[in-house]
Amino acid sequence: MTATLPHWDALLKRVFSAMSAEFAALAALVFVPVGTVFWPAGWAFLALFFGFQPALVLCLRIAGTSLCSQRDGKGDGAK
């Protein structure tokens, strides 16, 4: 039994566009000082860091719709 957010599509687009910008910025911060993109430890860090973010978003989609509504400011009792 999953309640759906009425604005989930817009929220999902906003989250993934923010994650894309964050990936680009963090990748620059990781690889520019090293001077190469051929650094396995940097790719491992980015894979771990950004591998769990989509999983967290989907988990919130499935189990935490009321939490998302409260935090987004569009639900009853928004804080």
Protein backbone atom coordinates (compact mmCIF):
# COMPACT_ATOMS: atom_id res chain seq x y z
CA MET A 1 0.00 0.00 0.00
CA THR A 2 1.81 3.04 -1.25
CA ALA A 3 0.51 6.57 -1.19
CA THR A 4 1.70 8.63 -4.10
CA LEU A 5 2.73 12.22 -4.05
CA PRO A 6 0.68 14.36 -6.42
CA HIS A 7 3.80 16.29 -7.42
CA TRP A 8 6.20 13.32 -7.51
CA ASP A 9 7.23 13.78 -11.15
CA ALA A 10 8.31 17.37 -10.61
CA LEU A 11 10.09 16.44 -7.38
CA LEU A 12 11.90 13.57 -9.08
CA LYS A 13 13.10 15.81 -11.92
CA ARG A 14 14.32 18.39 -9.42
CA VAL A 15 16.16 15.78 -7.34
CA PHE A 16 17.90 14.15 -10.29
CA SER A 17 18.88 17.48 -11.87
CA ALA A 18 20.37 18.54 -8.53
CA MET A 19 22.21 15.22 -8.27
CA SER A 20 23.61 15.68 -11.77
CA ALA A 21 24.94 19.12 -10.91
CA GLU A 22 26.34 17.78 -7.65
CA PHE A 23 28.04 14.93 -9.51
CA ALA A 24 29.70 17.33 -11.94
CA ALA A 25 30.92 19.61 -9.15
CA LEU A 26 32.20 16.77 -6.98
CA ALA A 27 33.86 15.05 -9.93
CA ALA A 28 35.69 18.28 -10.69
CA LEU A 29 36.78 18.57 -7.07
CA VAL A 30 38.02 14.97 -7.09
CA PHE A 31 39.75 14.79 -10.47
CA VAL A 32 41.09 18.31 -11.12
CA PRO A 33 43.65 18.23 -8.26
CA VAL A 34 44.82 14.78 -9.38
CA GLY A 35 45.13 15.95 -12.97
CA THR A 36 43.57 12.89 -14.58
CA VAL A 37 40.26 11.07 -14.79
CA PHE A 38 42.11 7.74 -14.82
CA TRP A 39 42.09 7.42 -11.04
CA PRO A 40 40.21 4.32 -9.84
CA ALA A 41 39.88 5.51 -6.25
CA GLY A 42 38.12 8.67 -7.41
CA TRP A 43 35.66 6.69 -9.51
CA ALA A 44 35.06 4.28 -6.63
CA PHE A 45 34.29 7.20 -4.32
CA LEU A 46 31.88 8.76 -6.81
CA ALA A 47 30.20 5.41 -7.48
CA LEU A 48 29.65 4.76 -3.79
CA PHE A 49 28.58 8.31 -3.02
CA PHE A 50 26.15 8.64 -5.90
CA GLY A 51 25.13 4.98 -6.04
CA PHE A 52 23.21 5.26 -2.81
CA GLN A 53 21.45 8.53 -3.57
CA PRO A 54 18.99 7.15 -6.16
CA ALA A 55 18.32 4.21 -3.87
CA LEU A 56 17.49 6.61 -1.05
CA VAL A 57 15.18 8.63 -3.28
CA LEU A 58 13.34 5.48 -4.37
CA CYS A 59 13.13 4.29 -0.77
CA LEU A 60 11.56 7.58 0.24
CA ARG A 61 9.20 7.28 -2.70
CA ILE A 62 8.03 3.88 -1.53
CA ALA A 63 7.97 4.27 2.24
CA GLY A 64 8.24 7.91 3.11
CA THR A 65 5.71 9.87 1.08
CA SER A 66 4.39 11.62 4.19
CA LEU A 67 7.95 12.63 5.13
CA CYS A 68 8.54 14.01 1.63
CA SER A 69 5.27 15.94 1.79
CA GLN A 70 6.16 17.46 5.15
CA ARG A 71 9.67 18.45 4.10
CA ASP A 72 8.56 19.78 0.73
CA GLY A 73 6.13 22.16 2.41
CA LYS A 74 3.11 20.94 0.47
CA GLY A 75 1.56 18.46 2.88
CA ASP A 76 -0.54 18.81 5.99
CA GLY A 77 1.59 19.87 8.92
CA ALA A 78 4.49 21.01 6.73
CA LYS A 79 7.46 22.32 8.65
